[in-house]
Amino acid sequence: MEDEYFIADDLAIEIRRRGHQPIGPFAELSPAFHAAASAAIDAALLDVNLHGRASFEFADLLLNRSIPFLIYTGYSRDVIPSRFARYVVDKPIPIRDVVDRLFLHALVHGSPRYRYGVGP
């Protein structure tokens, strides 16, 4: 989830370049929640602020479902609830490095689909 078009597009391109299919990007929470209700999510990248709305509710959904995620943000860590502190990747950082961290995080923590034998 990213509301800055060029960052979202660069992230999607990098994920595809590595052979994966992004579900988004989503610039608003509502379409992200809708997609989460019907799509299998292996991992997610979240920005803190999506057009004035915090993405923490969606991060809670991911935590409750044990879906690996990272919060990619330029916001101070002071505005991020402590329960998400370990998931923060501070901007600026090259897109490839963000995706590397997401893939490593997903590999270490696993996706629910792969944990239970479901997946490609």
C-alpha atoms as a PDB file:
ATOM      1  CA  MET A   1       0.000   0.000   0.000  1.00  0.00           C
ATOM      2  CA  GLU A   2       1.541   3.229  -1.176  1.00  0.00           C
ATOM      3  CA  ASP A   3      -0.145   6.460  -2.221  1.00  0.00           C
ATOM      4  CA  GLU A   4       2.821   7.931  -4.095  1.00  0.00           C
ATOM      5  CA  TYR A   5       2.375   6.609  -7.629  1.00  0.00           C
ATOM      6  CA  PHE A   6       6.026   6.422  -8.680  1.00  0.00           C
ATOM      7  CA  ILE A   7       7.116   4.639  -5.505  1.00  0.00           C
ATOM      8  CA  ALA A   8       4.202   2.200  -5.775  1.00  0.00           C
ATOM      9  CA  ASP A   9       4.978   1.542  -9.442  1.00  0.00           C
ATOM     10  CA  ASP A  10       8.697   1.019  -8.756  1.00  0.00           C
ATOM     11  CA  LEU A  11       7.868  -1.439  -5.959  1.00  0.00           C
ATOM     12  CA  ALA A  12       5.454  -3.382  -8.179  1.00  0.00           C
ATOM     13  CA  ILE A  13       8.009  -3.515 -11.013  1.00  0.00           C
ATOM     14  CA  GLU A  14      10.726  -4.802  -8.672  1.00  0.00           C
ATOM     15  CA  ILE A  15       8.429  -7.467  -7.230  1.00  0.00           C
ATOM     16  CA  ARG A  16       7.445  -8.614 -10.738  1.00  0.00           C
ATOM     17  CA  ARG A  17      11.088  -8.583 -11.832  1.00  0.00           C
ATOM     18  CA  ARG A  18      11.713 -11.183  -9.157  1.00  0.00           C
ATOM     19  CA  GLY A  19       8.972 -13.428 -10.474  1.00  0.00           C
ATOM     20  CA  HIS A  20       6.145 -12.568  -8.102  1.00  0.00           C
ATOM     21  CA  GLN A  21       2.759 -10.974  -8.747  1.00  0.00           C
ATOM     22  CA  PRO A  22       1.761  -7.995  -6.624  1.00  0.00           C
ATOM     23  CA  ILE A  23      -1.923  -7.713  -5.724  1.00  0.00           C
ATOM     24  CA  GLY A  24      -1.779  -3.917  -5.565  1.00  0.00           C
ATOM     25  CA  PRO A  25      -0.537  -1.369  -5.311  1.00  0.00           C
ATOM     26  CA  PHE A  26      -3.296   0.285  -3.320  1.00  0.00           C
ATOM     27  CA  ALA A  27      -3.319   4.004  -2.593  1.00  0.00           C
ATOM     28  CA  GLU A  28      -6.298   3.749  -0.227  1.00  0.00           C
ATOM     29  CA  LEU A  29      -7.336   1.411   2.557  1.00  0.00           C
ATOM     30  CA  SER A  30     -10.769   0.390   1.275  1.00  0.00           C
ATOM     31  CA  PRO A  31      -9.542  -1.435  -1.871  1.00  0.00           C
ATOM     32  CA  ALA A  32      -6.787  -3.065   0.186  1.00  0.00           C
ATOM     33  CA  PHE A  33      -9.300  -4.447   2.694  1.00  0.00           C
ATOM     34  CA  HIS A  34     -11.488  -5.635  -0.180  1.00  0.00           C
ATOM     35  CA  ALA A  35      -8.557  -7.445  -1.797  1.00  0.00           C
ATOM     36  CA  ALA A  36      -7.518  -8.959   1.534  1.00  0.00           C
ATOM     37  CA  ALA A  37     -10.978 -10.492   1.852  1.00  0.00           C
ATOM     38  CA  SER A  38     -10.635 -12.412  -1.402  1.00  0.00           C
ATOM     39  CA  ALA A  39      -6.942 -12.703  -2.332  1.00  0.00           C
ATOM     40  CA  ALA A  40      -4.188 -14.796  -0.829  1.00  0.00           C
ATOM     41  CA  ILE A  41      -1.517 -12.469   0.536  1.00  0.00           C
ATOM     42  CA  ASP A  42       1.988 -13.831   1.051  1.00  0.00           C
ATOM     43  CA  ALA A  43       3.532 -10.570   2.286  1.00  0.00           C
ATOM     44  CA  ALA A  44       2.832  -6.844   2.213  1.00  0.00           C
ATOM     45  CA  LEU A  45       4.532  -3.469   2.148  1.00  0.00           C
ATOM     46  CA  LEU A  46       2.646  -0.643   3.832  1.00  0.00           C
ATOM     47  CA  ASP A  47       3.103   3.095   3.931  1.00  0.00           C
ATOM     48  CA  VAL A  48       1.924   4.732   7.157  1.00  0.00           C
ATOM     49  CA  ASN A  49      -0.184   7.471   5.587  1.00  0.00           C
ATOM     50  CA  LEU A  50      -2.508   6.797   2.649  1.00  0.00           C
ATOM     51  CA  HIS A  51      -4.122  10.070   1.639  1.00  0.00           C
ATOM     52  CA  GLY A  52      -4.478  11.120   5.259  1.00  0.00           C
ATOM     53  CA  ARG A  53      -5.491   7.749   6.716  1.00  0.00           C
ATOM     54  CA  ALA A  54      -3.129   5.629   8.787  1.00  0.00           C
ATOM     55  CA  SER A  55      -2.595   2.049   7.626  1.00  0.00           C
ATOM     56  CA  PHE A  56      -2.294   0.604  11.148  1.00  0.00           C
ATOM     57  CA  GLU A  57      -5.711  -1.069  11.002  1.00  0.00           C
ATOM     58  CA  PHE A  58      -4.553  -2.996   7.938  1.00  0.00           C
ATOM     59  CA  ALA A  59      -1.269  -3.837   9.691  1.00  0.00           C
ATOM     60  CA  ASP A  60      -3.323  -5.279  12.572  1.00  0.00           C
ATOM     61  CA  LEU A  61      -5.232  -7.429  10.080  1.00  0.00           C
ATOM     62  CA  LEU A  62      -1.934  -8.757   8.716  1.00  0.00           C
ATOM     63  CA  LEU A  63      -0.620  -9.431  12.220  1.00  0.00           C
ATOM     64  CA  ASN A  64      -3.802 -11.304  13.151  1.00  0.00           C
ATOM     65  CA  ARG A  65      -3.464 -13.440  10.017  1.00  0.00           C
ATOM     66  CA  SER A  66       0.278 -14.005  10.559  1.00  0.00           C
ATOM     67  CA  ILE A  67       1.046 -12.446   7.181  1.00  0.00           C
ATOM     68  CA  PRO A  68       4.568 -11.011   6.981  1.00  0.00           C
ATOM     69  CA  PHE A  69       4.693  -7.268   6.286  1.00  0.00           C
ATOM     70  CA  LEU A  70       6.931  -4.256   6.517  1.00  0.00           C
ATOM     71  CA  ILE A  71       6.053  -0.607   6.998  1.00  0.00           C
ATOM     72  CA  TYR A  72       8.031   1.455   4.481  1.00  0.00           C
ATOM     73  CA  THR A  73       7.810   5.051   5.641  1.00  0.00           C
ATOM     74  CA  GLY A  74       9.423   8.423   5.955  1.00  0.00           C
ATOM     75  CA  TYR A  75       7.501   9.162   9.146  1.00  0.00           C
ATOM     76  CA  SER A  76       9.242   9.355  12.493  1.00  0.00           C
ATOM     77  CA  ARG A  77       9.126   6.141  14.475  1.00  0.00           C
ATOM     78  CA  ASP A  78       7.467   8.207  17.214  1.00  0.00           C
ATOM     79  CA  VAL A  79       4.143   8.133  15.307  1.00  0.00           C
ATOM     80  CA  ILE A  80       4.238   4.371  14.802  1.00  0.00           C
ATOM     81  CA  PRO A  81       2.612   2.239  17.503  1.00  0.00           C
ATOM     82  CA  SER A  82       5.193   0.208  19.409  1.00  0.00           C
ATOM     83  CA  ARG A  83       3.613  -3.084  18.305  1.00  0.00           C
ATOM     84  CA  PHE A  84       4.822  -2.293  14.758  1.00  0.00           C
ATOM     85  CA  ALA A  85       8.320  -0.994  15.629  1.00  0.00           C
ATOM     86  CA  ARG A  86      10.118  -4.123  14.443  1.00  0.00           C
ATOM     87  CA  TYR A  87       8.427  -3.943  11.018  1.00  0.00           C
ATOM     88  CA  VAL A  88       9.613  -0.444  10.060  1.00  0.00           C
ATOM     89  CA  VAL A  89      11.905   0.259   7.120  1.00  0.00           C
ATOM     90  CA  ASP A  90      12.851   3.925   7.004  1.00  0.00           C
ATOM     91  CA  LYS A  91      12.698   5.908   3.774  1.00  0.00           C
ATOM     92  CA  PRO A  92      14.759   6.754   1.862  1.00  0.00           C
ATOM     93  CA  ILE A  93      16.194   3.409   0.851  1.00  0.00           C
ATOM     94  CA  PRO A  94      16.576   1.944  -2.647  1.00  0.00           C
ATOM     95  CA  ILE A  95      13.499   0.058  -3.870  1.00  0.00           C
ATOM     96  CA  ARG A  96      15.491  -3.146  -4.453  1.00  0.00           C
ATOM     97  CA  ASP A  97      16.660  -3.044  -0.817  1.00  0.00           C
ATOM     98  CA  VAL A  98      13.096  -2.644   0.465  1.00  0.00           C
ATOM     99  CA  VAL A  99      11.971  -5.638  -1.599  1.00  0.00           C
ATOM    100  CA  ASP A 100      15.029  -7.620  -0.414  1.00  0.00           C
ATOM    101  CA  ARG A 101      14.000  -6.930   3.185  1.00  0.00           C
ATOM    102  CA  LEU A 102      10.377  -7.869   2.507  1.00  0.00           C
ATOM    103  CA  PHE A 103      11.366 -11.152   0.844  1.00  0.00           C
ATOM    104  CA  LEU A 104      13.781 -11.972   3.665  1.00  0.00           C
ATOM    105  CA  HIS A 105      11.124 -11.141   6.258  1.00  0.00           C
ATOM    106  CA  ALA A 106       8.599 -13.351   4.442  1.00  0.00           C
ATOM    107  CA  LEU A 107      11.156 -16.156   4.159  1.00  0.00           C
ATOM    108  CA  VAL A 108      12.040 -16.006   7.851  1.00  0.00           C
ATOM    109  CA  HIS A 109       8.478 -15.611   9.125  1.00  0.00           C
ATOM    110  CA  GLY A 110       6.687 -17.531   6.400  1.00  0.00           C
ATOM    111  CA  SER A 111       3.423 -16.968   4.643  1.00  0.00           C
ATOM    112  CA  PRO A 112       0.329 -18.713   6.019  1.00  0.00           C
ATOM    113  CA  ARG A 113      -0.323 -20.259   2.593  1.00  0.00           C
ATOM    114  CA  TYR A 114       3.077 -21.953   2.526  1.00  0.00           C
ATOM    115  CA  ARG A 115       3.073 -22.761   6.222  1.00  0.00           C
ATOM    116  CA  TYR A 116      -0.002 -24.962   5.759  1.00  0.00           C
ATOM    117  CA  GLY A 117       1.004 -26.538   2.455  1.00  0.00           C
ATOM    118  CA  VAL A 118      -1.064 -24.295   0.192  1.00  0.00           C
ATOM    119  CA  GLY A 119       0.602 -22.429  -2.633  1.00  0.00           C
ATOM    120  CA  PRO A 120       2.150 -22.774  -6.051  1.00  0.00           C
END
